[in-house]
Amino acid sequence: MLGIPSYKPKFHNSGKSFKNEFEKTLTELIGKKIERYWLMWDLNQDEWLADGPVVLEIDGQRFEFTAYQLDDFSMTVNSFELSEKLDWYGSGDEMPLTWKENPKIELSKNLNKVITDIHILTYDFYQKNIESEFILVGIEFVLKKESESDEENFFSIYNGLDQNELKNTELQIENQIKRIKITGYNNGYK
C-alpha cells in the first residue's frame, strides 16, 4: 500500500481508539528524541510525495505515520524496511521514488531535542463542537524549547486532506483542533 508492497497501515479515525491502542507506546517516547526522519521522495519532481508515510526514528525504532483520505490516520512501528523497493501503484520507473533523510530544514532543526509532550490531534470537521464527532487528524510531538520565545518546538504530522502535512509550530485551525494529551511518567517527564 502507498508504494510499499509490505506496508499494512492500521487506520484509526477516532482519537480515542488511537489513544487506546498506542498510549503505552507513545508514553515511552516522552523524554526521548527524534533522531532522524524520512519522507518518500519523487526523484523526477525532486519533491516530497506527501501521500507516502512519514517515518520517524526515535530510540532506534521507526515509527511510520500516514494520513489517508479525510479522516484516517495510522501509526505503525518497524512494519517495513526502508530498503524495500518503492513502486507507486505500478508506476515503476515512470515515477521513481526513494526515501530522503531529513529533507526539510525547518523540521531537521528540531532533531535530537527532548520530547516533552505528545498530543493526539482531533478536528471538529462538522463544526458542531460535539466531541464524539471530532475526527482524528494527526499527532504532535512537543519538543524542549531552545528559549522562552521559541515557538518552533513542534514536530507535527497531520492530515492535509488526503495527504500528510508537517509543521514545526503548534497547529491551530480556528479553534477546531482538540488535543488529547498522552499522559504517563517516563524519564522524569510527566
N, C-alpha and C. Protein backbone atom coordinates (compact mmCIF):
# COMPACT_ATOMS: atom_id res chain seq x y z
N MET A 1 0.84 -1.19 0.00
CA MET A 1 0.00 0.00 0.00
C MET A 1 0.88 1.25 0.00
N LEU A 2 0.42 2.30 -0.63
CA LEU A 2 1.11 3.58 -0.68
C LEU A 2 2.55 3.43 -1.18
N GLY A 3 2.72 2.57 -2.17
CA GLY A 3 4.02 2.42 -2.80
C GLY A 3 4.95 1.44 -2.13
N ILE A 4 4.52 0.83 -1.02
CA ILE A 4 5.38 -0.09 -0.27
C ILE A 4 4.66 -1.44 -0.22
N PRO A 5 5.14 -2.44 -0.96
CA PRO A 5 4.41 -3.70 -1.05
C PRO A 5 4.05 -4.35 0.29
N SER A 6 4.94 -4.29 1.28
CA SER A 6 4.66 -4.99 2.55
C SER A 6 3.96 -4.12 3.59
N TYR A 7 3.69 -2.86 3.27
CA TYR A 7 3.13 -1.93 4.25
C TYR A 7 1.64 -2.19 4.46
N LYS A 8 1.27 -2.35 5.73
CA LYS A 8 -0.13 -2.56 6.09
C LYS A 8 -0.50 -1.60 7.22
N PRO A 9 -0.80 -0.36 6.87
CA PRO A 9 -1.18 0.60 7.92
C PRO A 9 -2.45 0.16 8.63
N LYS A 10 -2.56 0.56 9.89
CA LYS A 10 -3.78 0.28 10.65
C LYS A 10 -4.44 1.62 10.94
N PHE A 11 -5.48 1.92 10.18
CA PHE A 11 -6.08 3.24 10.25
C PHE A 11 -7.07 3.37 11.40
N HIS A 12 -7.04 4.56 11.98
CA HIS A 12 -8.00 4.96 13.00
C HIS A 12 -8.63 6.26 12.53
N ASN A 13 -9.88 6.49 12.91
CA ASN A 13 -10.49 7.79 12.63
C ASN A 13 -10.96 8.48 13.91
N SER A 14 -10.72 7.82 15.03
CA SER A 14 -11.10 8.37 16.33
C SER A 14 -9.85 8.56 17.19
N GLY A 15 -9.73 9.72 17.81
CA GLY A 15 -8.62 9.97 18.73
C GLY A 15 -8.64 9.00 19.89
N LYS A 16 -9.82 8.64 20.34
CA LYS A 16 -9.96 7.72 21.47
C LYS A 16 -9.41 6.34 21.13
N SER A 17 -9.76 5.81 19.95
CA SER A 17 -9.27 4.48 19.58
C SER A 17 -7.76 4.50 19.36
N PHE A 18 -7.25 5.58 18.78
CA PHE A 18 -5.81 5.72 18.57
C PHE A 18 -5.08 5.74 19.92
N LYS A 19 -5.63 6.51 20.87
CA LYS A 19 -5.03 6.57 22.20
C LYS A 19 -5.09 5.22 22.89
N ASN A 20 -6.22 4.54 22.80
CA ASN A 20 -6.35 3.23 23.44
C ASN A 20 -5.30 2.25 22.93
N GLU A 21 -5.02 2.30 21.63
CA GLU A 21 -4.05 1.36 21.07
C GLU A 21 -2.60 1.77 21.35
N PHE A 22 -2.31 3.07 21.35
CA PHE A 22 -0.90 3.50 21.35
C PHE A 22 -0.43 4.27 22.57
N GLU A 23 -1.28 4.48 23.56
CA GLU A 23 -0.86 5.31 24.70
C GLU A 23 0.40 4.79 25.37
N LYS A 24 0.49 3.51 25.62
CA LYS A 24 1.68 2.96 26.29
C LYS A 24 2.92 3.19 25.44
N THR A 25 2.84 2.88 24.16
CA THR A 25 3.97 3.06 23.25
C THR A 25 4.40 4.53 23.20
N LEU A 26 3.43 5.43 23.07
CA LEU A 26 3.75 6.86 22.97
C LEU A 26 4.28 7.41 24.29
N THR A 27 3.75 6.95 25.41
CA THR A 27 4.23 7.40 26.72
C THR A 27 5.72 7.09 26.87
N GLU A 28 6.14 5.96 26.35
CA GLU A 28 7.55 5.57 26.45
C GLU A 28 8.47 6.46 25.63
N LEU A 29 7.91 7.25 24.71
CA LEU A 29 8.72 8.15 23.89
C LEU A 29 8.99 9.50 24.57
N ILE A 30 8.20 9.83 25.58
CA ILE A 30 8.40 11.09 26.29
C ILE A 30 9.75 11.02 27.01
N GLY A 31 10.55 12.06 26.80
CA GLY A 31 11.90 12.09 27.36
C GLY A 31 12.96 11.61 26.37
N LYS A 32 12.52 11.07 25.23
CA LYS A 32 13.45 10.61 24.19
C LYS A 32 13.54 11.69 23.11
N LYS A 33 14.25 11.39 22.03
CA LYS A 33 14.47 12.38 20.97
C LYS A 33 14.15 11.77 19.60
N ILE A 34 13.65 12.62 18.71
CA ILE A 34 13.51 12.23 17.31
C ILE A 34 14.91 12.36 16.73
N GLU A 35 15.48 11.22 16.32
CA GLU A 35 16.86 11.21 15.86
C GLU A 35 16.99 11.59 14.39
N ARG A 36 16.06 11.10 13.59
CA ARG A 36 16.03 11.44 12.17
C ARG A 36 14.67 11.04 11.63
N TYR A 37 14.40 11.45 10.40
CA TYR A 37 13.13 11.12 9.77
C TYR A 37 13.34 10.96 8.27
N TRP A 38 12.40 10.28 7.64
CA TRP A 38 12.45 10.06 6.20
C TRP A 38 11.11 10.42 5.59
N LEU A 39 11.18 10.98 4.39
CA LEU A 39 10.00 11.26 3.59
C LEU A 39 10.14 10.54 2.26
N MET A 40 9.03 10.07 1.72
CA MET A 40 9.04 9.46 0.39
C MET A 40 9.29 10.58 -0.62
N TRP A 41 10.28 10.38 -1.49
CA TRP A 41 10.73 11.44 -2.38
C TRP A 41 10.55 11.03 -3.84
N ASP A 42 9.89 11.89 -4.60
CA ASP A 42 9.71 11.70 -6.04
C ASP A 42 10.96 12.22 -6.73
N LEU A 43 11.76 11.33 -7.31
CA LEU A 43 13.03 11.72 -7.92
C LEU A 43 12.84 12.54 -9.19
N ASN A 44 11.78 12.27 -9.96
CA ASN A 44 11.54 13.06 -11.19
C ASN A 44 11.23 14.51 -10.86
N GLN A 45 10.39 14.72 -9.85
CA GLN A 45 9.97 16.08 -9.48
C GLN A 45 10.90 16.71 -8.44
N ASP A 46 11.77 15.91 -7.86
CA ASP A 46 12.66 16.33 -6.77
C ASP A 46 11.85 17.02 -5.67
N GLU A 47 10.82 16.28 -5.20
CA GLU A 47 9.97 16.81 -4.15
C GLU A 47 9.37 15.68 -3.32
N TRP A 48 8.90 16.07 -2.15
CA TRP A 48 8.25 15.15 -1.24
C TRP A 48 6.94 14.67 -1.83
N LEU A 49 6.73 13.35 -1.79
CA LEU A 49 5.45 12.78 -2.16
C LEU A 49 4.66 12.63 -0.86
N ALA A 50 3.81 13.59 -0.59
CA ALA A 50 3.12 13.70 0.70
C ALA A 50 2.09 12.61 0.93
N ASP A 51 1.81 11.78 -0.08
CA ASP A 51 0.89 10.67 0.10
C ASP A 51 1.55 9.48 0.80
N GLY A 52 2.87 9.41 0.75
CA GLY A 52 3.60 8.31 1.38
C GLY A 52 3.77 8.53 2.87
N PRO A 53 4.06 7.47 3.62
CA PRO A 53 4.23 7.60 5.07
C PRO A 53 5.39 8.53 5.45
N VAL A 54 5.28 9.11 6.63
CA VAL A 54 6.36 9.86 7.26
C VAL A 54 6.96 8.92 8.31
N VAL A 55 8.27 8.74 8.26
CA VAL A 55 8.93 7.79 9.15
C VAL A 55 9.84 8.56 10.10
N LEU A 56 9.64 8.36 11.40
CA LEU A 56 10.50 8.97 12.42
C LEU A 56 11.31 7.87 13.09
N GLU A 57 12.57 8.16 13.36
CA GLU A 57 13.38 7.25 14.17
C GLU A 57 13.52 7.85 15.56
N ILE A 58 13.04 7.10 16.55
CA ILE A 58 13.09 7.51 17.95
C ILE A 58 13.60 6.32 18.74
N ASP A 59 14.69 6.53 19.45
CA ASP A 59 15.27 5.48 20.30
C ASP A 59 15.52 4.20 19.51
N GLY A 60 16.01 4.35 18.28
CA GLY A 60 16.37 3.21 17.46
C GLY A 60 15.22 2.49 16.79
N GLN A 61 14.00 2.96 16.97
CA GLN A 61 12.84 2.34 16.32
C GLN A 61 12.26 3.29 15.29
N ARG A 62 11.64 2.71 14.25
CA ARG A 62 11.00 3.52 13.22
C ARG A 62 9.49 3.56 13.46
N PHE A 63 8.96 4.76 13.55
CA PHE A 63 7.53 4.99 13.72
C PHE A 63 7.00 5.56 12.40
N GLU A 64 6.03 4.86 11.81
CA GLU A 64 5.53 5.21 10.49
C GLU A 64 4.12 5.81 10.63
N PHE A 65 3.95 7.00 10.12
CA PHE A 65 2.68 7.73 10.23
C PHE A 65 2.13 8.00 8.84
N THR A 66 0.83 7.82 8.69
CA THR A 66 0.19 8.05 7.40
C THR A 66 -1.20 8.63 7.59
N ALA A 67 -1.46 9.73 6.91
CA ALA A 67 -2.81 10.29 6.80
C ALA A 67 -3.38 9.79 5.48
N TYR A 68 -4.64 9.40 5.50
CA TYR A 68 -5.25 8.80 4.31
C TYR A 68 -6.71 9.25 4.24
N GLN A 69 -7.16 9.54 3.05
CA GLN A 69 -8.48 10.07 2.82
C GLN A 69 -8.69 11.28 3.73
N LEU A 70 -9.89 11.49 4.22
CA LEU A 70 -10.15 12.68 5.02
C LEU A 70 -9.96 12.45 6.51
N ASP A 71 -10.27 11.24 6.97
CA ASP A 71 -10.32 11.05 8.42
C ASP A 71 -9.62 9.78 8.91
N ASP A 72 -8.64 9.29 8.16
CA ASP A 72 -7.90 8.11 8.59
C ASP A 72 -6.46 8.49 8.89
N PHE A 73 -5.95 7.95 9.99
CA PHE A 73 -4.57 8.20 10.39
C PHE A 73 -4.02 6.92 10.98
N SER A 74 -2.79 6.58 10.61
CA SER A 74 -2.19 5.33 11.03
C SER A 74 -0.83 5.57 11.66
N MET A 75 -0.52 4.74 12.65
CA MET A 75 0.83 4.65 13.20
C MET A 75 1.19 3.17 13.24
N THR A 76 2.35 2.85 12.70
CA THR A 76 2.89 1.50 12.80
C THR A 76 4.33 1.64 13.28
N VAL A 77 4.89 0.54 13.76
CA VAL A 77 6.25 0.56 14.27
C VAL A 77 7.05 -0.53 13.57
N ASN A 78 8.15 -0.14 12.93
CA ASN A 78 9.05 -1.08 12.25
C ASN A 78 8.30 -2.07 11.36
N SER A 79 7.32 -1.59 10.61
CA SER A 79 6.47 -2.50 9.84
C SER A 79 6.98 -2.78 8.43
N PHE A 80 7.96 -2.03 7.97
CA PHE A 80 8.57 -2.29 6.67
C PHE A 80 10.02 -1.82 6.71
N GLU A 81 10.78 -2.25 5.73
CA GLU A 81 12.19 -1.86 5.64
C GLU A 81 12.34 -0.70 4.66
N LEU A 82 13.14 0.27 5.04
CA LEU A 82 13.37 1.41 4.16
C LEU A 82 14.11 1.01 2.89
N SER A 83 14.73 -0.16 2.89
CA SER A 83 15.45 -0.65 1.71
C SER A 83 14.51 -1.30 0.69
N GLU A 84 13.26 -1.53 1.09
CA GLU A 84 12.27 -2.15 0.19
C GLU A 84 12.02 -1.26 -1.02
N LYS A 85 11.97 -1.87 -2.20
CA LYS A 85 11.74 -1.10 -3.43
C LYS A 85 10.36 -0.44 -3.39
N LEU A 86 10.33 0.84 -3.72
CA LEU A 86 9.09 1.61 -3.76
C LEU A 86 8.51 1.59 -5.16
N ASP A 87 7.21 1.41 -5.25
CA ASP A 87 6.53 1.39 -6.54
C ASP A 87 5.12 1.94 -6.33
N TRP A 88 4.89 3.16 -6.80
CA TRP A 88 3.63 3.84 -6.57
C TRP A 88 2.56 3.25 -7.49
N TYR A 89 1.80 2.28 -6.96
CA TYR A 89 0.68 1.65 -7.65
C TYR A 89 1.01 1.25 -9.09
N GLY A 90 2.16 0.61 -9.27
CA GLY A 90 2.55 0.06 -10.56
C GLY A 90 3.17 1.05 -11.52
N SER A 91 3.52 2.25 -11.07
CA SER A 91 4.10 3.25 -11.98
C SER A 91 5.57 2.96 -12.28
N GLY A 92 6.21 2.12 -11.48
CA GLY A 92 7.58 1.67 -11.74
C GLY A 92 8.55 2.81 -12.01
N ASP A 93 9.32 2.67 -13.09
CA ASP A 93 10.36 3.64 -13.42
C ASP A 93 9.81 4.98 -13.91
N GLU A 94 8.53 5.03 -14.23
CA GLU A 94 7.94 6.31 -14.66
C GLU A 94 7.86 7.29 -13.49
N MET A 95 7.81 6.75 -12.29
CA MET A 95 7.75 7.59 -11.09
C MET A 95 8.73 7.01 -10.06
N PRO A 96 10.02 7.22 -10.28
CA PRO A 96 10.99 6.66 -9.34
C PRO A 96 10.91 7.34 -7.98
N LEU A 97 10.91 6.51 -6.94
CA LEU A 97 10.80 7.01 -5.57
C LEU A 97 11.96 6.50 -4.73
N THR A 98 12.28 7.27 -3.70
CA THR A 98 13.28 6.86 -2.72
C THR A 98 12.89 7.45 -1.38
N TRP A 99 13.57 7.02 -0.33
CA TRP A 99 13.41 7.65 0.98
C TRP A 99 14.48 8.72 1.12
N LYS A 100 14.08 9.92 1.47
CA LYS A 100 15.04 11.00 1.67
C LYS A 100 15.10 11.31 3.16
N GLU A 101 16.31 11.30 3.70
CA GLU A 101 16.50 11.51 5.14
C GLU A 101 16.62 13.00 5.45
N ASN A 102 15.83 13.45 6.43
CA ASN A 102 15.87 14.81 6.99
C ASN A 102 15.83 15.91 5.91
N PRO A 103 14.88 15.87 4.99
CA PRO A 103 14.92 16.83 3.88
C PRO A 103 14.36 18.23 4.16
N LYS A 104 13.63 18.41 5.24
CA LYS A 104 13.02 19.73 5.48
C LYS A 104 13.80 20.45 6.58
N ILE A 105 14.43 21.54 6.23
CA ILE A 105 15.30 22.27 7.15
C ILE A 105 14.56 22.69 8.41
N GLU A 106 13.33 23.19 8.26
CA GLU A 106 12.58 23.69 9.41
C GLU A 106 12.28 22.57 10.42
N LEU A 107 12.17 21.34 9.95
CA LEU A 107 11.94 20.21 10.85
C LEU A 107 13.25 19.59 11.32
N SER A 108 14.24 19.59 10.46
CA SER A 108 15.53 18.99 10.82
C SER A 108 16.18 19.71 12.00
N LYS A 109 15.91 21.00 12.15
CA LYS A 109 16.50 21.72 13.29
C LYS A 109 15.91 21.25 14.62
N ASN A 110 14.81 20.51 14.56
CA ASN A 110 14.18 20.00 15.79
C ASN A 110 14.60 18.57 16.12
N LEU A 111 15.51 18.03 15.36
CA LEU A 111 16.01 16.69 15.67
C LEU A 111 16.86 16.75 16.93
N ASN A 112 16.87 15.64 17.65
CA ASN A 112 17.68 15.48 18.87
C ASN A 112 17.33 16.46 19.98
N LYS A 113 16.08 16.93 19.98
CA LYS A 113 15.55 17.70 21.10
C LYS A 113 14.63 16.78 21.90
N VAL A 114 14.62 16.92 23.19
CA VAL A 114 13.84 16.04 24.05
C VAL A 114 12.34 16.24 23.81
N ILE A 115 11.62 15.13 23.67
CA ILE A 115 10.16 15.15 23.55
C ILE A 115 9.60 15.37 24.95
N THR A 116 8.91 16.49 25.14
CA THR A 116 8.35 16.81 26.46
C THR A 116 6.88 16.44 26.58
N ASP A 117 6.15 16.46 25.48
CA ASP A 117 4.73 16.10 25.47
C ASP A 117 4.39 15.52 24.10
N ILE A 118 3.33 14.72 24.09
CA ILE A 118 2.78 14.20 22.84
C ILE A 118 1.27 14.38 22.90
N HIS A 119 0.72 14.91 21.81
CA HIS A 119 -0.72 15.12 21.72
C HIS A 119 -1.27 14.42 20.48
N ILE A 120 -2.41 13.79 20.65
CA ILE A 120 -3.18 13.28 19.52
C ILE A 120 -4.06 14.45 19.07
N LEU A 121 -4.04 14.73 17.78
CA LEU A 121 -4.79 15.87 17.25
C LEU A 121 -6.12 15.41 16.66
N THR A 122 -7.20 16.02 17.12
CA THR A 122 -8.52 15.77 16.56
C THR A 122 -9.09 17.10 16.04
N TYR A 123 -10.05 16.99 15.15
CA TYR A 123 -10.54 18.17 14.45
C TYR A 123 -12.07 18.15 14.41
N ASP A 124 -12.66 19.29 14.70
CA ASP A 124 -14.11 19.45 14.67
C ASP A 124 -14.54 19.76 13.24
N PHE A 125 -14.50 18.74 12.39
CA PHE A 125 -14.75 18.91 10.97
C PHE A 125 -16.14 19.46 10.69
N TYR A 126 -17.13 19.00 11.46
CA TYR A 126 -18.51 19.42 11.21
C TYR A 126 -18.89 20.69 11.97
N GLN A 127 -17.96 21.24 12.74
CA GLN A 127 -18.12 22.48 13.49
C GLN A 127 -19.37 22.46 14.38
N LYS A 128 -19.59 21.33 15.03
CA LYS A 128 -20.72 21.20 15.94
C LYS A 128 -20.28 21.21 17.40
N ASN A 129 -18.97 21.15 17.62
CA ASN A 129 -18.39 21.09 18.96
C ASN A 129 -18.94 19.92 19.78
N ILE A 130 -19.17 18.81 19.08
CA ILE A 130 -19.60 17.57 19.73
C ILE A 130 -18.41 16.62 19.70
N GLU A 131 -17.86 16.36 20.87
CA GLU A 131 -16.59 15.62 20.95
C GLU A 131 -16.63 14.30 20.21
N SER A 132 -17.75 13.59 20.24
CA SER A 132 -17.83 12.29 19.59
C SER A 132 -17.73 12.40 18.06
N GLU A 133 -17.90 13.59 17.51
CA GLU A 133 -17.81 13.77 16.07
C GLU A 133 -16.47 14.36 15.62
N PHE A 134 -15.56 14.61 16.56
CA PHE A 134 -14.22 15.08 16.20
C PHE A 134 -13.50 13.94 15.50
N ILE A 135 -12.81 14.22 14.41
CA ILE A 135 -12.09 13.18 13.69
C ILE A 135 -10.60 13.27 14.00
N LEU A 136 -9.95 12.13 13.99
CA LEU A 136 -8.51 12.04 14.21
C LEU A 136 -7.80 12.63 13.00
N VAL A 137 -6.89 13.57 13.24
CA VAL A 137 -6.15 14.15 12.12
C VAL A 137 -4.64 13.99 12.23
N GLY A 138 -4.09 13.69 13.43
CA GLY A 138 -2.65 13.55 13.47
C GLY A 138 -2.07 13.45 14.85
N ILE A 139 -0.78 13.72 14.91
CA ILE A 139 -0.02 13.63 16.15
C ILE A 139 0.95 14.80 16.22
N GLU A 140 1.17 15.26 17.45
CA GLU A 140 2.03 16.43 17.68
C GLU A 140 3.05 16.08 18.76
N PHE A 141 4.31 16.14 18.39
CA PHE A 141 5.39 15.97 19.35
C PHE A 141 5.83 17.36 19.79
N VAL A 142 5.75 17.63 21.09
CA VAL A 142 6.20 18.91 21.63
C VAL A 142 7.62 18.69 22.13
N LEU A 143 8.53 19.54 21.70
CA LEU A 143 9.94 19.36 21.99
C LEU A 143 10.45 20.45 22.93
N LYS A 144 11.54 20.14 23.60
CA LYS A 144 12.14 21.11 24.53
C LYS A 144 12.49 22.38 23.76
N LYS A 145 12.08 23.52 24.34
CA LYS A 145 12.33 24.81 23.71
C LYS A 145 13.79 25.21 23.84
N GLU A 146 14.29 25.90 22.82
CA GLU A 146 15.64 26.44 22.88
C GLU A 146 15.69 27.69 23.76
N SER A 147 14.56 28.41 23.82
CA SER A 147 14.44 29.61 24.65
C SER A 147 12.97 29.82 24.96
N GLU A 148 12.66 30.73 25.86
CA GLU A 148 11.26 31.02 26.21
C GLU A 148 10.45 31.48 25.00
N SER A 149 11.09 32.18 24.06
CA SER A 149 10.37 32.70 22.91
C SER A 149 10.29 31.71 21.75
N ASP A 150 10.88 30.54 21.88
CA ASP A 150 10.87 29.52 20.82
C ASP A 150 9.46 28.99 20.62
N GLU A 151 8.89 29.23 19.45
CA GLU A 151 7.57 28.71 19.11
C GLU A 151 7.65 27.65 18.01
N GLU A 152 8.87 27.31 17.60
CA GLU A 152 9.07 26.30 16.57
C GLU A 152 9.60 25.01 17.18
N ASN A 153 9.00 24.60 18.29
CA ASN A 153 9.44 23.43 19.03
C ASN A 153 8.45 22.27 18.90
N PHE A 154 7.95 22.08 17.69
CA PHE A 154 6.98 21.02 17.43
C PHE A 154 7.45 20.18 16.24
N PHE A 155 7.01 18.95 16.23
CA PHE A 155 7.15 18.09 15.06
C PHE A 155 5.78 17.43 14.91
N SER A 156 4.96 18.01 14.05
CA SER A 156 3.57 17.55 13.89
C SER A 156 3.39 16.90 12.54
N ILE A 157 2.65 15.81 12.55
CA ILE A 157 2.27 15.09 11.33
C ILE A 157 0.75 15.02 11.36
N TYR A 158 0.11 15.52 10.32
CA TYR A 158 -1.35 15.58 10.35
C TYR A 158 -1.93 15.45 8.95
N ASN A 159 -3.22 15.24 8.90
CA ASN A 159 -3.93 15.04 7.65
C ASN A 159 -4.19 16.39 6.98
N GLY A 160 -3.64 16.55 5.80
CA GLY A 160 -3.85 17.75 5.00
C GLY A 160 -4.80 17.46 3.85
N LEU A 161 -5.93 16.85 4.15
CA LEU A 161 -6.94 16.47 3.15
C LEU A 161 -6.38 15.41 2.21
N ASP A 162 -6.25 14.20 2.72
CA ASP A 162 -5.83 13.01 1.99
C ASP A 162 -4.33 13.00 1.66
N GLN A 163 -3.56 13.69 2.43
CA GLN A 163 -2.10 13.59 2.33
C GLN A 163 -1.50 14.06 3.65
N ASN A 164 -0.26 13.69 3.87
CA ASN A 164 0.43 14.11 5.09
C ASN A 164 0.83 15.56 4.99
N GLU A 165 0.78 16.24 6.11
CA GLU A 165 1.32 17.58 6.25
C GLU A 165 2.25 17.56 7.45
N LEU A 166 3.24 18.42 7.45
CA LEU A 166 4.20 18.53 8.54
C LEU A 166 4.28 19.97 8.99
N LYS A 167 4.52 20.16 10.28
CA LYS A 167 4.57 21.53 10.82
C LYS A 167 5.51 21.55 12.02
N ASN A 168 6.26 22.64 12.16
CA ASN A 168 7.17 22.79 13.30
C ASN A 168 6.67 23.81 14.32
N THR A 169 5.45 24.29 14.13
CA THR A 169 4.81 25.18 15.11
C THR A 169 3.49 24.52 15.52
N GLU A 170 2.89 25.06 16.57
CA GLU A 170 1.63 24.49 17.06
C GLU A 170 0.54 24.65 16.01
N LEU A 171 -0.16 23.55 15.73
CA LEU A 171 -1.23 23.57 14.74
C LEU A 171 -2.47 24.24 15.34
N GLN A 172 -2.94 25.27 14.67
CA GLN A 172 -4.16 25.99 15.09
C GLN A 172 -5.05 26.18 13.87
N ILE A 173 -6.30 25.77 13.98
CA ILE A 173 -7.25 25.97 12.90
C ILE A 173 -8.55 26.49 13.52
N GLU A 174 -8.65 27.78 13.64
CA GLU A 174 -9.87 28.46 14.11
C GLU A 174 -10.57 27.72 15.25
N ASN A 175 -9.84 27.39 16.29
CA ASN A 175 -10.38 26.74 17.49
C ASN A 175 -11.07 25.40 17.19
N GLN A 176 -10.69 24.75 16.12
CA GLN A 176 -11.31 23.47 15.78
C GLN A 176 -10.43 22.28 16.13
N ILE A 177 -9.22 22.52 16.59
CA ILE A 177 -8.31 21.44 16.98
C ILE A 177 -8.46 21.16 18.47
N LYS A 178 -8.66 19.90 18.79
CA LYS A 178 -8.68 19.47 20.19
C LYS A 178 -7.52 18.50 20.37
N ARG A 179 -6.75 18.73 21.42
CA ARG A 179 -5.60 17.88 21.71
C ARG A 179 -5.95 16.87 22.79
N ILE A 180 -5.56 15.64 22.56
CA ILE A 180 -5.67 14.59 23.58
C ILE A 180 -4.25 14.31 24.04
N LYS A 181 -3.97 14.67 25.27
CA LYS A 181 -2.61 14.56 25.77
C LYS A 181 -2.30 13.12 26.15
N ILE A 182 -1.13 12.68 25.74
CA ILE A 182 -0.62 11.39 26.18
C ILE A 182 -0.03 11.62 27.56
N THR A 183 -0.57 10.92 28.53
CA THR A 183 -0.11 11.10 29.90
C THR A 183 0.69 9.89 30.33
N GLY A 184 1.30 10.01 31.42
CA GLY A 184 2.14 8.93 31.92
C GLY A 184 3.43 9.51 32.45
N TYR A 185 4.26 8.66 32.92
CA TYR A 185 5.50 9.12 33.53
C TYR A 185 6.65 8.36 32.89
N ASN A 186 7.60 9.08 32.35
CA ASN A 186 8.73 8.43 31.72
C ASN A 186 9.94 9.34 31.76
N ASN A 187 11.07 8.83 32.20
CA ASN A 187 12.34 9.56 32.21
C ASN A 187 12.25 10.92 32.88
N GLY A 188 11.47 11.05 33.94
CA GLY A 188 11.38 12.31 34.66
C GLY A 188 10.39 13.29 34.07
N TYR A 189 9.71 12.91 32.98
CA TYR A 189 8.71 13.79 32.38
C TYR A 189 7.33 13.28 32.74
N LYS A 190 6.43 14.22 33.00
CA LYS A 190 5.04 13.85 33.34
C LYS A 190 4.13 14.18 32.20
